[in-house]
Amino acid sequence: MGLDNPIHIAFLLILLLLVFGAKRLPEMGQSLGAGLRGFKESISGEGTPAALTAQPAQLAATQPSAPVADRVLASVEEPGTPFAA
């Protein structure tokens, strides 16, 4: 009753060919394969960007030494002094 009989598989292939056409079947196979590859990579963690898998020591080295607010306040001129152009 399953797909163990080659006649059933051949019947399904002929039915798919009639429904989708000869041009559309390879396109569907390629898109299905690309989707499965992407799913497999996302599950296994392969191909993830280095920024997502960086160690905490690497992240600490890339962070600025002073908070942004301190740097912005240090760059603001005192009131009453002309802007340096």
PDB file of N, CA and C in Angstrom:
ATOM      1  N   MET A   1       0.819  -1.193   0.000  1.00  0.00           N
ATOM      2  CA  MET A   1       0.000   0.000   0.000  1.00  0.00           C
ATOM      3  C   MET A   1       0.860   1.253   0.000  1.00  0.00           C
ATOM      4  N   GLY A   2       2.129   1.153   0.363  1.00  0.00           N
ATOM      5  CA  GLY A   2       3.012   2.315   0.417  1.00  0.00           C
ATOM      6  C   GLY A   2       3.665   2.586  -0.922  1.00  0.00           C
ATOM      7  N   LEU A   3       4.807   3.288  -0.862  1.00  0.00           N
ATOM      8  CA  LEU A   3       5.537   3.629  -2.084  1.00  0.00           C
ATOM      9  C   LEU A   3       6.636   2.618  -2.383  1.00  0.00           C
ATOM     10  N   ASP A   4       6.516   1.403  -1.870  1.00  0.00           N
ATOM     11  CA  ASP A   4       7.533   0.390  -2.120  1.00  0.00           C
ATOM     12  C   ASP A   4       7.399  -0.223  -3.520  1.00  0.00           C
ATOM     13  N   ASN A   5       6.283  -0.053  -4.156  1.00  0.00           N
ATOM     14  CA  ASN A   5       6.059  -0.582  -5.491  1.00  0.00           C
ATOM     15  C   ASN A   5       6.553   0.441  -6.523  1.00  0.00           C
ATOM     16  N   PRO A   6       7.425   0.059  -7.457  1.00  0.00           N
ATOM     17  CA  PRO A   6       7.934   1.009  -8.457  1.00  0.00           C
ATOM     18  C   PRO A   6       6.851   1.601  -9.354  1.00  0.00           C
ATOM     19  N   ILE A   7       5.763   0.904  -9.530  1.00  0.00           N
ATOM     20  CA  ILE A   7       4.665   1.427 -10.355  1.00  0.00           C
ATOM     21  C   ILE A   7       4.026   2.636  -9.654  1.00  0.00           C
ATOM     22  N   HIS A   8       3.928   2.606  -8.321  1.00  0.00           N
ATOM     23  CA  HIS A   8       3.365   3.738  -7.580  1.00  0.00           C
ATOM     24  C   HIS A   8       4.265   4.966  -7.712  1.00  0.00           C
ATOM     25  N   ILE A   9       5.563   4.754  -7.612  1.00  0.00           N
ATOM     26  CA  ILE A   9       6.510   5.865  -7.739  1.00  0.00           C
ATOM     27  C   ILE A   9       6.448   6.447  -9.152  1.00  0.00           C
ATOM     28  N   ALA A  10       6.406   5.588 -10.170  1.00  0.00           N
ATOM     29  CA  ALA A  10       6.313   6.057 -11.546  1.00  0.00           C
ATOM     30  C   ALA A  10       5.013   6.829 -11.777  1.00  0.00           C
ATOM     31  N   PHE A  11       3.919   6.355 -11.197  1.00  0.00           N
ATOM     32  CA  PHE A  11       2.641   7.042 -11.325  1.00  0.00           C
ATOM     33  C   PHE A  11       2.699   8.429 -10.691  1.00  0.00           C
ATOM     34  N   LEU A  12       3.314   8.546  -9.527  1.00  0.00           N
ATOM     35  CA  LEU A  12       3.443   9.846  -8.873  1.00  0.00           C
ATOM     36  C   LEU A  12       4.326  10.797  -9.678  1.00  0.00           C
ATOM     37  N   LEU A  13       5.412  10.287 -10.261  1.00  0.00           N
ATOM     38  CA  LEU A  13       6.289  11.124 -11.078  1.00  0.00           C
ATOM     39  C   LEU A  13       5.568  11.636 -12.322  1.00  0.00           C
ATOM     40  N   ILE A  14       4.785  10.777 -12.960  1.00  0.00           N
ATOM     41  CA  ILE A  14       4.015  11.193 -14.142  1.00  0.00           C
ATOM     42  C   ILE A  14       2.962  12.223 -13.746  1.00  0.00           C
ATOM     43  N   LEU A  15       2.321  12.026 -12.612  1.00  0.00           N
ATOM     44  CA  LEU A  15       1.319  12.977 -12.129  1.00  0.00           C
ATOM     45  C   LEU A  15       1.951  14.331 -11.831  1.00  0.00           C
ATOM     46  N   LEU A  16       3.120  14.339 -11.182  1.00  0.00           N
ATOM     47  CA  LEU A  16       3.827  15.592 -10.916  1.00  0.00           C
ATOM     48  C   LEU A  16       4.227  16.292 -12.211  1.00  0.00           C
ATOM     49  N   LEU A  17       4.677  15.525 -13.188  1.00  0.00           N
ATOM     50  CA  LEU A  17       5.058  16.089 -14.477  1.00  0.00           C
ATOM     51  C   LEU A  17       3.866  16.728 -15.174  1.00  0.00           C
ATOM     52  N   LEU A  18       2.710  16.092 -15.092  1.00  0.00           N
ATOM     53  CA  LEU A  18       1.511  16.646 -15.715  1.00  0.00           C
ATOM     54  C   LEU A  18       1.010  17.892 -14.989  1.00  0.00           C
ATOM     55  N   VAL A  19       1.092  17.891 -13.669  1.00  0.00           N
ATOM     56  CA  VAL A  19       0.568  19.021 -12.899  1.00  0.00           C
ATOM     57  C   VAL A  19       1.466  20.236 -13.008  1.00  0.00           C
ATOM     58  N   PHE A  20       2.781  20.061 -12.801  1.00  0.00           N
ATOM     59  CA  PHE A  20       3.690  21.201 -12.735  1.00  0.00           C
ATOM     60  C   PHE A  20       4.415  21.487 -14.045  1.00  0.00           C
ATOM     61  N   GLY A  21       4.554  20.551 -14.914  1.00  0.00           N
ATOM     62  CA  GLY A  21       5.235  20.768 -16.184  1.00  0.00           C
ATOM     63  C   GLY A  21       6.716  20.454 -16.087  1.00  0.00           C
ATOM     64  N   ALA A  22       7.327  20.232 -17.250  1.00  0.00           N
ATOM     65  CA  ALA A  22       8.733  19.827 -17.295  1.00  0.00           C
ATOM     66  C   ALA A  22       9.661  20.977 -16.934  1.00  0.00           C
ATOM     67  N   LYS A  23       9.253  22.210 -17.184  1.00  0.00           N
ATOM     68  CA  LYS A  23      10.119  23.349 -16.888  1.00  0.00           C
ATOM     69  C   LYS A  23      10.123  23.683 -15.396  1.00  0.00           C
ATOM     70  N   ARG A  24       9.008  23.504 -14.750  1.00  0.00           N
ATOM     71  CA  ARG A  24       8.860  23.924 -13.348  1.00  0.00           C
ATOM     72  C   ARG A  24       9.466  22.921 -12.370  1.00  0.00           C
ATOM     73  N   LEU A  25       9.532  21.655 -12.696  1.00  0.00           N
ATOM     74  CA  LEU A  25      10.037  20.645 -11.760  1.00  0.00           C
ATOM     75  C   LEU A  25      11.493  20.867 -11.355  1.00  0.00           C
ATOM     76  N   PRO A  26      12.430  21.146 -12.274  1.00  0.00           N
ATOM     77  CA  PRO A  26      13.812  21.403 -11.826  1.00  0.00           C
ATOM     78  C   PRO A  26      13.933  22.649 -10.945  1.00  0.00           C
ATOM     79  N   GLU A  27      13.156  23.683 -11.257  1.00  0.00           N
ATOM     80  CA  GLU A  27      13.172  24.894 -10.430  1.00  0.00           C
ATOM     81  C   GLU A  27      12.693  24.593  -9.014  1.00  0.00           C
ATOM     82  N   MET A  28      11.640  23.784  -8.912  1.00  0.00           N
ATOM     83  CA  MET A  28      11.121  23.418  -7.596  1.00  0.00           C
ATOM     84  C   MET A  28      12.143  22.587  -6.820  1.00  0.00           C
ATOM     85  N   GLY A  29      12.828  21.689  -7.512  1.00  0.00           N
ATOM     86  CA  GLY A  29      13.853  20.875  -6.862  1.00  0.00           C
ATOM     87  C   GLY A  29      15.011  21.707  -6.365  1.00  0.00           C
ATOM     88  N   GLN A  30      15.440  22.696  -7.150  1.00  0.00           N
ATOM     89  CA  GLN A  30      16.533  23.559  -6.727  1.00  0.00           C
ATOM     90  C   GLN A  30      16.149  24.409  -5.533  1.00  0.00           C
ATOM     91  N   SER A  31      14.957  24.976  -5.545  1.00  0.00           N
ATOM     92  CA  SER A  31      14.540  25.805  -4.416  1.00  0.00           C
ATOM     93  C   SER A  31      14.330  24.966  -3.160  1.00  0.00           C
ATOM     94  N   LEU A  32      13.830  23.760  -3.322  1.00  0.00           N
ATOM     95  CA  LEU A  32      13.673  22.870  -2.173  1.00  0.00           C
ATOM     96  C   LEU A  32      15.034  22.483  -1.603  1.00  0.00           C
ATOM     97  N   GLY A  33      15.998  22.190  -2.473  1.00  0.00           N
ATOM     98  CA  GLY A  33      17.345  21.849  -2.011  1.00  0.00           C
ATOM     99  C   GLY A  33      18.021  23.004  -1.305  1.00  0.00           C
ATOM    100  N   ALA A  34      17.870  24.220  -1.842  1.00  0.00           N
ATOM    101  CA  ALA A  34      18.465  25.396  -1.202  1.00  0.00           C
ATOM    102  C   ALA A  34      17.832  25.648   0.165  1.00  0.00           C
ATOM    103  N   GLY A  35      16.532  25.460   0.260  1.00  0.00           N
ATOM    104  CA  GLY A  35      15.859  25.643   1.544  1.00  0.00           C
ATOM    105  C   GLY A  35      16.306  24.624   2.572  1.00  0.00           C
ATOM    106  N   LEU A  36      16.447  23.375   2.143  1.00  0.00           N
ATOM    107  CA  LEU A  36      16.903  22.330   3.071  1.00  0.00           C
ATOM    108  C   LEU A  36      18.347  22.570   3.511  1.00  0.00           C
ATOM    109  N   ARG A  37      19.202  23.033   2.578  1.00  0.00           N
ATOM    110  CA  ARG A  37      20.593  23.345   2.936  1.00  0.00           C
ATOM    111  C   ARG A  37      20.656  24.482   3.946  1.00  0.00           C
ATOM    112  N   GLY A  38      19.869  25.518   3.730  1.00  0.00           N
ATOM    113  CA  GLY A  38      19.827  26.639   4.667  1.00  0.00           C
ATOM    114  C   GLY A  38      19.325  26.219   6.029  1.00  0.00           C
ATOM    115  N   PHE A  39      18.313  25.362   6.045  1.00  0.00           N
ATOM    116  CA  PHE A  39      17.781  24.865   7.315  1.00  0.00           C
ATOM    117  C   PHE A  39      18.832  24.034   8.048  1.00  0.00           C
ATOM    118  N   LYS A  40      19.535  23.187   7.316  1.00  0.00           N
ATOM    119  CA  LYS A  40      20.563  22.348   7.925  1.00  0.00           C
ATOM    120  C   LYS A  40      21.697  23.194   8.498  1.00  0.00           C
ATOM    121  N   GLU A  41      22.120  24.229   7.770  1.00  0.00           N
ATOM    122  CA  GLU A  41      23.185  25.104   8.252  1.00  0.00           C
ATOM    123  C   GLU A  41      22.746  25.870   9.498  1.00  0.00           C
ATOM    124  N   SER A  42      21.503  26.302   9.542  1.00  0.00           N
ATOM    125  CA  SER A  42      21.041  27.056  10.705  1.00  0.00           C
ATOM    126  C   SER A  42      20.909  26.161  11.938  1.00  0.00           C
ATOM    127  N   ILE A  43      20.558  24.905  11.732  1.00  0.00           N
ATOM    128  CA  ILE A  43      20.444  23.982  12.856  1.00  0.00           C
ATOM    129  C   ILE A  43      21.815  23.579  13.375  1.00  0.00           C
ATOM    130  N   SER A  44      22.748  23.286  12.462  1.00  0.00           N
ATOM    131  CA  SER A  44      24.064  22.808  12.891  1.00  0.00           C
ATOM    132  C   SER A  44      24.973  23.939  13.341  1.00  0.00           C
ATOM    133  N   GLY A  45      24.677  25.173  12.985  1.00  0.00           N
ATOM    134  CA  GLY A  45      25.505  26.303  13.371  1.00  0.00           C
ATOM    135  C   GLY A  45      26.654  26.555  12.425  1.00  0.00           C
ATOM    136  N   GLU A  46      26.758  25.799  11.342  1.00  0.00           N
ATOM    137  CA  GLU A  46      27.807  26.022  10.360  1.00  0.00           C
ATOM    138  C   GLU A  46      27.442  27.232   9.509  1.00  0.00           C
ATOM    139  N   GLY A  47      28.440  27.984   9.136  1.00  0.00           N
ATOM    140  CA  GLY A  47      28.212  29.126   8.268  1.00  0.00           C
ATOM    141  C   GLY A  47      27.644  30.325   8.992  1.00  0.00           C
ATOM    142  N   THR A  48      27.697  30.359  10.318  1.00  0.00           N
ATOM    143  CA  THR A  48      27.209  31.523  11.037  1.00  0.00           C
ATOM    144  C   THR A  48      28.263  32.615  10.991  1.00  0.00           C
ATOM    145  N   PRO A  49      27.883  33.861  10.968  1.00  0.00           N
ATOM    146  CA  PRO A  49      28.854  34.949  10.949  1.00  0.00           C
ATOM    147  C   PRO A  49      29.735  34.933  12.192  1.00  0.00           C
ATOM    148  N   ALA A  50      30.955  35.396  12.042  1.00  0.00           N
ATOM    149  CA  ALA A  50      31.912  35.385  13.152  1.00  0.00           C
ATOM    150  C   ALA A  50      31.456  36.286  14.285  1.00  0.00           C
ATOM    151  N   ALA A  51      30.701  37.335  13.976  1.00  0.00           N
ATOM    152  CA  ALA A  51      30.245  38.249  15.024  1.00  0.00           C
ATOM    153  C   ALA A  51      29.282  37.556  15.987  1.00  0.00           C
ATOM    154  N   LEU A  52      28.538  36.586  15.484  1.00  0.00           N
ATOM    155  CA  LEU A  52      27.591  35.895  16.352  1.00  0.00           C
ATOM    156  C   LEU A  52      28.265  34.845  17.219  1.00  0.00           C
ATOM    157  N   THR A  53      29.399  34.326  16.781  1.00  0.00           N
ATOM    158  CA  THR A  53      30.068  33.273  17.528  1.00  0.00           C
ATOM    159  C   THR A  53      31.315  33.763  18.245  1.00  0.00           C
ATOM    160  N   ALA A  54      31.510  35.071  18.351  1.00  0.00           N
ATOM    161  CA  ALA A  54      32.710  35.622  18.989  1.00  0.00           C
ATOM    162  C   ALA A  54      32.697  35.327  20.491  1.00  0.00           C
ATOM    163  N   GLN A  55      33.868  35.142  21.018  1.00  0.00           N
ATOM    164  CA  GLN A  55      34.026  34.886  22.443  1.00  0.00           C
ATOM    165  C   GLN A  55      33.844  36.191  23.216  1.00  0.00           C
ATOM    166  N   PRO A  56      33.468  36.144  24.509  1.00  0.00           N
ATOM    167  CA  PRO A  56      33.299  37.371  25.289  1.00  0.00           C
ATOM    168  C   PRO A  56      34.574  38.214  25.360  1.00  0.00           C
ATOM    169  N   ALA A  57      35.754  37.593  25.378  1.00  0.00           N
ATOM    170  CA  ALA A  57      36.998  38.358  25.412  1.00  0.00           C
ATOM    171  C   ALA A  57      37.170  39.146  24.116  1.00  0.00           C
ATOM    172  N   GLN A  58      36.768  38.565  22.991  1.00  0.00           N
ATOM    173  CA  GLN A  58      36.859  39.270  21.723  1.00  0.00           C
ATOM    174  C   GLN A  58      35.867  40.424  21.679  1.00  0.00           C
ATOM    175  N   LEU A  59      34.692  40.227  22.245  1.00  0.00           N
ATOM    176  CA  LEU A  59      33.694  41.282  22.262  1.00  0.00           C
ATOM    177  C   LEU A  59      34.147  42.442  23.141  1.00  0.00           C
ATOM    178  N   ALA A  60      34.785  42.157  24.267  1.00  0.00           N
ATOM    179  CA  ALA A  60      35.258  43.206  25.160  1.00  0.00           C
ATOM    180  C   ALA A  60      36.353  44.025  24.488  1.00  0.00           C
ATOM    181  N   ALA A  61      37.153  43.403  23.660  1.00  0.00           N
ATOM    182  CA  ALA A  61      38.233  44.112  22.984  1.00  0.00           C
ATOM    183  C   ALA A  61      37.693  45.046  21.908  1.00  0.00           C
ATOM    184  N   THR A  62      36.539  44.767  21.359  1.00  0.00           N
ATOM    185  CA  THR A  62      35.995  45.601  20.295  1.00  0.00           C
ATOM    186  C   THR A  62      35.119  46.727  20.826  1.00  0.00           C
ATOM    187  N   GLN A  63      34.759  46.710  22.112  1.00  0.00           N
ATOM    188  CA  GLN A  63      33.916  47.755  22.666  1.00  0.00           C
ATOM    189  C   GLN A  63      34.748  49.010  22.911  1.00  0.00           C
ATOM    190  N   PRO A  64      34.142  50.195  22.804  1.00  0.00           N
ATOM    191  CA  PRO A  64      34.895  51.425  23.038  1.00  0.00           C
ATOM    192  C   PRO A  64      35.371  51.515  24.479  1.00  0.00           C
ATOM    193  N   SER A  65      36.492  52.210  24.675  1.00  0.00           N
ATOM    194  CA  SER A  65      37.075  52.294  26.004  1.00  0.00           C
ATOM    195  C   SER A  65      36.277  53.205  26.918  1.00  0.00           C
ATOM    196  N   ALA A  66      35.710  54.269  26.398  1.00  0.00           N
ATOM    197  CA  ALA A  66      34.910  55.188  27.209  1.00  0.00           C
ATOM    198  C   ALA A  66      33.474  55.146  26.720  1.00  0.00           C
ATOM    199  N   PRO A  67      32.532  55.318  27.599  1.00  0.00           N
ATOM    200  CA  PRO A  67      31.135  55.347  27.158  1.00  0.00           C
ATOM    201  C   PRO A  67      30.905  56.477  26.154  1.00  0.00           C
ATOM    202  N   VAL A  68      29.939  56.301  25.317  1.00  0.00           N
ATOM    203  CA  VAL A  68      29.666  57.252  24.243  1.00  0.00           C
ATOM    204  C   VAL A  68      29.281  58.608  24.816  1.00  0.00           C
ATOM    205  N   ALA A  69      28.490  58.639  25.865  1.00  0.00           N
ATOM    206  CA  ALA A  69      28.057  59.904  26.452  1.00  0.00           C
ATOM    207  C   ALA A  69      29.249  60.718  26.936  1.00  0.00           C
ATOM    208  N   ASP A  70      30.262  60.081  27.538  1.00  0.00           N
ATOM    209  CA  ASP A  70      31.443  60.794  28.007  1.00  0.00           C
ATOM    210  C   ASP A  70      32.204  61.408  26.844  1.00  0.00           C
ATOM    211  N   ARG A  71      32.322  60.668  25.740  1.00  0.00           N
ATOM    212  CA  ARG A  71      33.044  61.193  24.586  1.00  0.00           C
ATOM    213  C   ARG A  71      32.294  62.356  23.949  1.00  0.00           C
ATOM    214  N   VAL A  72      30.958  62.282  23.935  1.00  0.00           N
ATOM    215  CA  VAL A  72      30.179  63.365  23.338  1.00  0.00           C
ATOM    216  C   VAL A  72      30.295  64.606  24.196  1.00  0.00           C
ATOM    217  N   LEU A  73      30.192  64.457  25.517  1.00  0.00           N
ATOM    218  CA  LEU A  73      30.297  65.603  26.407  1.00  0.00           C
ATOM    219  C   LEU A  73      31.690  66.218  26.361  1.00  0.00           C
ATOM    220  N   ALA A  74      32.705  65.433  26.183  1.00  0.00           N
ATOM    221  CA  ALA A  74      34.063  65.953  26.118  1.00  0.00           C
ATOM    222  C   ALA A  74      34.296  66.735  24.836  1.00  0.00           C
ATOM    223  N   SER A  75      33.569  66.437  23.786  1.00  0.00           N
ATOM    224  CA  SER A  75      33.780  67.124  22.516  1.00  0.00           C
ATOM    225  C   SER A  75      32.961  68.392  22.387  1.00  0.00           C
ATOM    226  N   VAL A  76      32.041  68.661  23.302  1.00  0.00           N
ATOM    227  CA  VAL A  76      31.201  69.854  23.237  1.00  0.00           C
ATOM    228  C   VAL A  76      32.006  71.046  23.755  1.00  0.00           C
ATOM    229  N   GLU A  77      31.948  72.149  23.011  1.00  0.00           N
ATOM    230  CA  GLU A  77      32.655  73.370  23.411  1.00  0.00           C
ATOM    231  C   GLU A  77      31.959  73.993  24.616  1.00  0.00           C
ATOM    232  N   GLU A  78      32.695  74.752  25.398  1.00  0.00           N
ATOM    233  CA  GLU A  78      32.119  75.471  26.526  1.00  0.00           C
ATOM    234  C   GLU A  78      31.248  76.607  26.000  1.00  0.00           C
ATOM    235  N   PRO A  79      30.194  76.963  26.721  1.00  0.00           N
ATOM    236  CA  PRO A  79      29.333  78.068  26.267  1.00  0.00           C
ATOM    237  C   PRO A  79      30.124  79.381  26.218  1.00  0.00           C
ATOM    238  N   GLY A  80      29.855  80.165  25.228  1.00  0.00           N
ATOM    239  CA  GLY A  80      30.509  81.457  25.106  1.00  0.00           C
ATOM    240  C   GLY A  80      31.763  81.424  24.265  1.00  0.00           C
ATOM    241  N   THR A  81      32.289  80.264  23.914  1.00  0.00           N
ATOM    242  CA  THR A  81      33.468  80.209  23.065  1.00  0.00           C
ATOM    243  C   THR A  81      33.015  80.020  21.628  1.00  0.00           C
ATOM    244  N   PRO A  82      33.668  80.649  20.706  1.00  0.00           N
ATOM    245  CA  PRO A  82      33.256  80.503  19.298  1.00  0.00           C
ATOM    246  C   PRO A  82      33.614  79.115  18.780  1.00  0.00           C
ATOM    247  N   PHE A  83      32.851  78.685  17.810  1.00  0.00           N
ATOM    248  CA  PHE A  83      33.108  77.374  17.187  1.00  0.00           C
ATOM    249  C   PHE A  83      34.366  77.432  16.357  1.00  0.00           C
ATOM    250  N   ALA A  84      35.130  76.403  16.413  1.00  0.00           N
ATOM    251  CA  ALA A  84      36.319  76.308  15.570  1.00  0.00           C
ATOM    252  C   ALA A  84      35.905  75.762  14.213  1.00  0.00           C
ATOM    253  N   ALA A  85      36.100  76.575  13.205  1.00  0.00           N
ATOM    254  CA  ALA A  85      35.641  76.162  11.873  1.00  0.00           C
ATOM    255  C   ALA A  85      36.752  75.585  11.053  1.00  0.00           C
TER     256      ALA A  85
END
